[in-house]
Amino acid sequence: MAAGTRQPRPTGGGGVSGADGPSGGPTRPEPRGGGWQAYAACWGRDPDLWFPAQGGSVRAAKRVCRVCPVQLNCLAEAMKRGEVYGVWGGASEDERRQIRTASRDERGGGVRGGGRAA
């Protein structure tokens, strides 16, 4: 897209994000450089929702993530950066750990798939 051309805003799940307009919260700024983060359903929400106290529930955060138009971008970025804490892309700390373990095992670097003879 040409520089200075406005990009269409993806549509998400509506009022769940609380950041879609005057009645639901502050309007999101137009993204600069096409950053996907400006389209996130969590934009402008309380960060404590995604970082609950130990033993706290992640259900509310996952509800927001479920309708987010950039959920996969968020999860991919969190996995790339090695995020250890919080809910990212709809995945909890334990779920991301399981994804990393499964990915290592699939590549042959885990306990189960080392390629060694028994």
N, C-alpha and C. Protein backbone atom coordinates (compact mmCIF):
# COMPACT_ATOMS: atom_id res chain seq x y z
N MET A 1 0.84 -1.18 0.00
CA MET A 1 0.00 0.00 0.00
C MET A 1 0.89 1.24 0.00
N ALA A 2 0.48 2.26 -0.69
CA ALA A 2 1.28 3.48 -0.80
C ALA A 2 1.37 4.21 0.53
N ALA A 3 2.47 4.89 0.73
CA ALA A 3 2.66 5.66 1.97
C ALA A 3 1.57 6.71 2.08
N GLY A 4 1.03 6.87 3.25
CA GLY A 4 0.00 7.86 3.51
C GLY A 4 -1.41 7.39 3.19
N THR A 5 -1.54 6.19 2.62
CA THR A 5 -2.85 5.64 2.32
C THR A 5 -3.42 5.00 3.58
N ARG A 6 -4.65 5.31 3.89
CA ARG A 6 -5.26 4.73 5.09
C ARG A 6 -5.67 3.30 4.81
N GLN A 7 -5.37 2.44 5.75
CA GLN A 7 -5.72 1.04 5.63
C GLN A 7 -7.07 0.81 6.28
N PRO A 8 -7.89 -0.08 5.71
CA PRO A 8 -9.17 -0.38 6.34
C PRO A 8 -8.94 -1.08 7.67
N ARG A 9 -9.78 -0.80 8.62
CA ARG A 9 -9.67 -1.39 9.94
C ARG A 9 -10.39 -2.72 9.96
N PRO A 10 -9.71 -3.80 10.41
CA PRO A 10 -10.39 -5.09 10.48
C PRO A 10 -11.55 -5.03 11.46
N THR A 11 -12.55 -5.80 11.19
CA THR A 11 -13.68 -5.86 12.11
C THR A 11 -13.46 -7.00 13.07
N GLY A 12 -13.84 -6.79 14.30
CA GLY A 12 -13.67 -7.81 15.32
C GLY A 12 -15.00 -8.24 15.88
N GLY A 13 -15.03 -8.52 17.15
CA GLY A 13 -16.21 -9.05 17.79
C GLY A 13 -17.12 -7.98 18.35
N GLY A 14 -16.95 -6.74 17.99
CA GLY A 14 -17.86 -5.71 18.47
C GLY A 14 -17.47 -5.17 19.82
N GLY A 15 -18.44 -5.02 20.69
CA GLY A 15 -18.25 -4.34 21.96
C GLY A 15 -17.45 -5.07 23.01
N VAL A 16 -16.99 -6.26 22.74
CA VAL A 16 -16.24 -7.01 23.74
C VAL A 16 -14.97 -6.31 24.14
N SER A 17 -14.31 -5.67 23.19
CA SER A 17 -13.01 -5.07 23.49
C SER A 17 -13.11 -3.84 24.37
N GLY A 18 -14.24 -3.14 24.33
CA GLY A 18 -14.37 -1.94 25.12
C GLY A 18 -13.56 -0.78 24.59
N ALA A 19 -13.06 -0.87 23.38
CA ALA A 19 -12.24 0.20 22.83
C ALA A 19 -12.67 0.55 21.42
N ASP A 20 -13.96 0.43 21.14
CA ASP A 20 -14.43 0.63 19.78
C ASP A 20 -15.18 1.92 19.54
N GLY A 21 -15.20 2.83 20.45
CA GLY A 21 -15.88 4.09 20.20
C GLY A 21 -16.34 4.75 21.46
N PRO A 22 -17.11 5.85 21.32
CA PRO A 22 -17.49 6.66 22.46
C PRO A 22 -18.23 5.91 23.56
N SER A 23 -19.12 4.99 23.21
CA SER A 23 -19.87 4.31 24.26
C SER A 23 -19.11 3.15 24.87
N GLY A 24 -18.12 2.59 24.12
CA GLY A 24 -17.42 1.42 24.60
C GLY A 24 -16.03 1.72 25.10
N GLY A 25 -15.61 2.96 25.13
CA GLY A 25 -14.27 3.28 25.58
C GLY A 25 -13.58 4.17 24.57
N PRO A 26 -12.31 4.42 24.75
CA PRO A 26 -11.59 5.32 23.85
C PRO A 26 -11.44 4.70 22.46
N THR A 27 -11.45 5.53 21.46
CA THR A 27 -11.24 5.07 20.09
C THR A 27 -9.78 4.76 19.90
N ARG A 28 -9.48 3.69 19.19
CA ARG A 28 -8.10 3.31 18.92
C ARG A 28 -7.47 4.28 17.94
N PRO A 29 -6.21 4.57 18.11
CA PRO A 29 -5.53 5.41 17.12
C PRO A 29 -5.32 4.62 15.83
N GLU A 30 -5.19 5.32 14.73
CA GLU A 30 -4.85 4.66 13.47
C GLU A 30 -3.45 4.07 13.64
N PRO A 31 -3.24 2.85 13.19
CA PRO A 31 -1.91 2.24 13.35
C PRO A 31 -0.89 2.93 12.46
N ARG A 32 0.28 3.09 12.95
CA ARG A 32 1.38 3.66 12.18
C ARG A 32 2.23 2.50 11.67
N GLY A 33 2.49 2.46 10.42
CA GLY A 33 3.34 1.40 9.87
C GLY A 33 2.65 0.05 9.83
N GLY A 34 1.34 0.00 9.94
CA GLY A 34 0.61 -1.26 9.80
C GLY A 34 0.73 -2.19 10.99
N GLY A 35 1.07 -1.70 12.17
CA GLY A 35 1.21 -2.55 13.34
C GLY A 35 -0.10 -3.23 13.74
N TRP A 36 -0.05 -4.52 13.89
CA TRP A 36 -1.26 -5.28 14.22
C TRP A 36 -1.76 -4.99 15.63
N GLN A 37 -0.87 -4.53 16.51
CA GLN A 37 -1.24 -4.31 17.91
C GLN A 37 -2.38 -3.30 18.06
N ALA A 38 -2.45 -2.33 17.17
CA ALA A 38 -3.50 -1.31 17.26
C ALA A 38 -4.89 -1.89 17.01
N TYR A 39 -4.96 -3.09 16.44
CA TYR A 39 -6.24 -3.74 16.17
C TYR A 39 -6.64 -4.73 17.26
N ALA A 40 -5.79 -4.91 18.25
CA ALA A 40 -6.03 -5.91 19.29
C ALA A 40 -7.24 -5.56 20.15
N ALA A 41 -8.01 -6.58 20.46
CA ALA A 41 -9.21 -6.40 21.29
C ALA A 41 -8.84 -5.96 22.71
N CYS A 42 -7.61 -6.20 23.13
CA CYS A 42 -7.19 -5.83 24.48
C CYS A 42 -6.71 -4.39 24.56
N TRP A 43 -6.60 -3.71 23.43
CA TRP A 43 -6.10 -2.33 23.37
C TRP A 43 -6.85 -1.46 24.37
N GLY A 44 -6.14 -0.86 25.31
CA GLY A 44 -6.74 0.04 26.27
C GLY A 44 -7.38 -0.64 27.47
N ARG A 45 -7.34 -1.95 27.54
CA ARG A 45 -7.95 -2.68 28.67
C ARG A 45 -6.94 -2.78 29.81
N ASP A 46 -7.45 -3.11 30.98
CA ASP A 46 -6.63 -3.25 32.17
C ASP A 46 -5.67 -4.43 32.00
N PRO A 47 -4.36 -4.21 32.05
CA PRO A 47 -3.39 -5.30 31.87
C PRO A 47 -3.52 -6.41 32.91
N ASP A 48 -4.06 -6.09 34.08
CA ASP A 48 -4.20 -7.12 35.12
C ASP A 48 -5.07 -8.28 34.65
N LEU A 49 -5.94 -8.03 33.67
CA LEU A 49 -6.79 -9.10 33.14
C LEU A 49 -5.93 -10.20 32.52
N TRP A 50 -4.83 -9.83 31.88
CA TRP A 50 -3.96 -10.79 31.21
C TRP A 50 -2.83 -11.29 32.09
N PHE A 51 -2.69 -10.72 33.25
CA PHE A 51 -1.65 -11.13 34.20
C PHE A 51 -2.27 -11.32 35.58
N PRO A 52 -3.15 -12.33 35.74
CA PRO A 52 -3.80 -12.52 37.03
C PRO A 52 -2.79 -13.00 38.08
N ALA A 53 -3.14 -12.79 39.33
CA ALA A 53 -2.31 -13.27 40.43
C ALA A 53 -2.21 -14.79 40.34
N GLN A 54 -1.16 -15.35 40.93
CA GLN A 54 -0.96 -16.79 40.89
C GLN A 54 -2.23 -17.50 41.36
N GLY A 55 -2.68 -18.44 40.57
CA GLY A 55 -3.89 -19.18 40.88
C GLY A 55 -5.16 -18.48 40.42
N GLY A 56 -5.04 -17.25 39.88
CA GLY A 56 -6.19 -16.49 39.40
C GLY A 56 -6.69 -17.04 38.07
N SER A 57 -7.89 -16.69 37.73
CA SER A 57 -8.52 -17.18 36.50
C SER A 57 -8.09 -16.36 35.28
N VAL A 58 -7.92 -17.06 34.16
CA VAL A 58 -7.59 -16.42 32.89
C VAL A 58 -8.82 -16.42 31.96
N ARG A 59 -9.96 -16.84 32.46
CA ARG A 59 -11.16 -16.96 31.63
C ARG A 59 -11.58 -15.65 30.97
N ALA A 60 -11.58 -14.57 31.73
CA ALA A 60 -12.01 -13.27 31.19
C ALA A 60 -11.07 -12.83 30.06
N ALA A 61 -9.78 -13.01 30.24
CA ALA A 61 -8.82 -12.64 29.20
C ALA A 61 -9.04 -13.49 27.95
N LYS A 62 -9.27 -14.76 28.12
CA LYS A 62 -9.48 -15.65 26.99
C LYS A 62 -10.75 -15.32 26.23
N ARG A 63 -11.77 -14.83 26.94
CA ARG A 63 -13.01 -14.40 26.26
C ARG A 63 -12.72 -13.24 25.32
N VAL A 64 -11.90 -12.30 25.75
CA VAL A 64 -11.54 -11.17 24.90
C VAL A 64 -10.70 -11.67 23.73
N CYS A 65 -9.73 -12.52 23.99
CA CYS A 65 -8.85 -13.04 22.94
C CYS A 65 -9.63 -13.82 21.88
N ARG A 66 -10.64 -14.54 22.31
CA ARG A 66 -11.41 -15.39 21.38
C ARG A 66 -12.02 -14.60 20.23
N VAL A 67 -12.37 -13.34 20.45
CA VAL A 67 -13.00 -12.52 19.40
C VAL A 67 -12.03 -11.51 18.79
N CYS A 68 -10.78 -11.59 19.13
CA CYS A 68 -9.79 -10.63 18.67
C CYS A 68 -9.38 -10.92 17.23
N PRO A 69 -9.38 -9.89 16.36
CA PRO A 69 -9.01 -10.11 14.97
C PRO A 69 -7.53 -10.38 14.75
N VAL A 70 -6.70 -10.15 15.76
CA VAL A 70 -5.26 -10.38 15.60
C VAL A 70 -4.73 -11.39 16.62
N GLN A 71 -5.59 -12.29 17.05
CA GLN A 71 -5.22 -13.28 18.06
C GLN A 71 -4.00 -14.10 17.63
N LEU A 72 -3.97 -14.57 16.40
CA LEU A 72 -2.85 -15.39 15.95
C LEU A 72 -1.56 -14.59 15.87
N ASN A 73 -1.65 -13.32 15.47
CA ASN A 73 -0.46 -12.46 15.44
C ASN A 73 0.12 -12.36 16.85
N CYS A 74 -0.76 -12.16 17.82
CA CYS A 74 -0.34 -11.99 19.21
C CYS A 74 0.34 -13.25 19.73
N LEU A 75 -0.28 -14.40 19.48
CA LEU A 75 0.30 -15.66 19.94
C LEU A 75 1.65 -15.91 19.27
N ALA A 76 1.73 -15.68 17.98
CA ALA A 76 2.99 -15.89 17.26
C ALA A 76 4.09 -14.99 17.80
N GLU A 77 3.76 -13.73 18.06
CA GLU A 77 4.74 -12.79 18.60
C GLU A 77 5.20 -13.21 20.00
N ALA A 78 4.26 -13.64 20.82
CA ALA A 78 4.59 -14.07 22.18
C ALA A 78 5.49 -15.31 22.15
N MET A 79 5.21 -16.23 21.23
CA MET A 79 6.04 -17.42 21.12
C MET A 79 7.44 -17.06 20.62
N LYS A 80 7.51 -16.14 19.68
CA LYS A 80 8.79 -15.70 19.14
C LYS A 80 9.65 -15.03 20.22
N ARG A 81 9.00 -14.22 21.05
CA ARG A 81 9.73 -13.51 22.11
C ARG A 81 9.97 -14.36 23.34
N GLY A 82 9.30 -15.52 23.42
CA GLY A 82 9.46 -16.38 24.58
C GLY A 82 8.75 -15.86 25.82
N GLU A 83 7.61 -15.21 25.62
CA GLU A 83 6.83 -14.69 26.76
C GLU A 83 6.53 -15.83 27.73
N VAL A 84 6.84 -15.62 28.98
CA VAL A 84 6.64 -16.66 29.99
C VAL A 84 5.39 -16.40 30.81
N TYR A 85 5.05 -15.14 31.03
CA TYR A 85 3.95 -14.80 31.92
C TYR A 85 2.75 -14.23 31.17
N GLY A 86 1.56 -14.45 31.71
CA GLY A 86 0.35 -13.84 31.20
C GLY A 86 -0.32 -14.62 30.09
N VAL A 87 -1.44 -14.08 29.63
CA VAL A 87 -2.20 -14.65 28.52
C VAL A 87 -1.84 -13.86 27.27
N TRP A 88 -1.44 -14.55 26.24
CA TRP A 88 -1.05 -13.94 24.97
C TRP A 88 -1.71 -14.74 23.86
N GLY A 89 -2.44 -14.08 22.98
CA GLY A 89 -3.07 -14.77 21.87
C GLY A 89 -4.03 -15.85 22.30
N GLY A 90 -4.63 -15.68 23.47
CA GLY A 90 -5.58 -16.65 23.98
C GLY A 90 -4.96 -17.86 24.66
N ALA A 91 -3.65 -17.88 24.79
CA ALA A 91 -2.97 -19.02 25.41
C ALA A 91 -2.37 -18.61 26.76
N SER A 92 -2.61 -19.44 27.75
CA SER A 92 -2.07 -19.19 29.08
C SER A 92 -0.60 -19.57 29.13
N GLU A 93 0.02 -19.32 30.26
CA GLU A 93 1.43 -19.66 30.46
C GLU A 93 1.66 -21.14 30.23
N ASP A 94 0.80 -21.98 30.84
CA ASP A 94 0.94 -23.43 30.69
C ASP A 94 0.71 -23.88 29.25
N GLU A 95 -0.27 -23.28 28.57
CA GLU A 95 -0.56 -23.66 27.19
C GLU A 95 0.60 -23.31 26.27
N ARG A 96 1.21 -22.14 26.46
CA ARG A 96 2.36 -21.78 25.64
C ARG A 96 3.54 -22.70 25.93
N ARG A 97 3.71 -23.09 27.17
CA ARG A 97 4.78 -24.03 27.53
C ARG A 97 4.56 -25.36 26.81
N GLN A 98 3.30 -25.82 26.76
CA GLN A 98 2.99 -27.07 26.06
C GLN A 98 3.26 -26.95 24.56
N ILE A 99 2.94 -25.79 23.98
CA ILE A 99 3.21 -25.56 22.56
C ILE A 99 4.71 -25.63 22.29
N ARG A 100 5.49 -24.96 23.16
CA ARG A 100 6.95 -24.99 22.99
C ARG A 100 7.49 -26.41 23.09
N THR A 101 7.01 -27.17 24.06
CA THR A 101 7.46 -28.55 24.25
C THR A 101 7.10 -29.40 23.05
N ALA A 102 5.86 -29.27 22.58
CA ALA A 102 5.42 -30.05 21.42
C ALA A 102 6.23 -29.69 20.19
N SER A 103 6.55 -28.41 20.03
CA SER A 103 7.34 -27.96 18.90
C SER A 103 8.75 -28.54 18.96
N ARG A 104 9.34 -28.54 20.15
CA ARG A 104 10.68 -29.13 20.32
C ARG A 104 10.65 -30.62 20.02
N ASP A 105 9.63 -31.31 20.52
CA ASP A 105 9.51 -32.75 20.30
C ASP A 105 9.35 -33.06 18.82
N GLU A 106 8.59 -32.22 18.12
CA GLU A 106 8.35 -32.42 16.69
C GLU A 106 9.64 -32.25 15.89
N ARG A 107 10.50 -31.33 16.33
CA ARG A 107 11.78 -31.10 15.65
C ARG A 107 12.84 -32.13 16.06
N GLY A 108 12.52 -32.96 17.03
CA GLY A 108 13.48 -33.97 17.45
C GLY A 108 14.38 -33.55 18.57
N GLY A 109 14.10 -32.41 19.19
CA GLY A 109 14.97 -31.93 20.25
C GLY A 109 14.45 -32.20 21.64
N GLY A 110 13.32 -32.88 21.73
CA GLY A 110 12.73 -33.13 23.04
C GLY A 110 13.07 -34.50 23.57
N VAL A 111 12.51 -34.84 24.70
CA VAL A 111 12.77 -36.11 25.36
C VAL A 111 12.30 -37.27 24.49
N ARG A 112 11.15 -37.09 23.84
CA ARG A 112 10.55 -38.20 23.09
C ARG A 112 11.15 -38.41 21.71
N GLY A 113 11.69 -37.38 21.09
CA GLY A 113 12.08 -37.54 19.69
C GLY A 113 13.53 -37.26 19.40
N GLY A 114 14.43 -37.64 20.22
CA GLY A 114 15.84 -37.33 20.02
C GLY A 114 16.52 -38.06 18.89
N GLY A 115 15.82 -39.04 18.28
CA GLY A 115 16.40 -39.76 17.16
C GLY A 115 17.47 -40.77 17.61
N ARG A 116 17.52 -41.07 18.87
CA ARG A 116 18.51 -42.03 19.38
C ARG A 116 17.93 -43.43 19.37
N ALA A 117 18.79 -44.38 19.15
CA ALA A 117 18.37 -45.79 19.22
C ALA A 117 18.20 -46.19 20.67
N ALA A 118 17.26 -47.07 20.92
CA ALA A 118 17.00 -47.51 22.29
C ALA A 118 17.97 -48.57 22.73
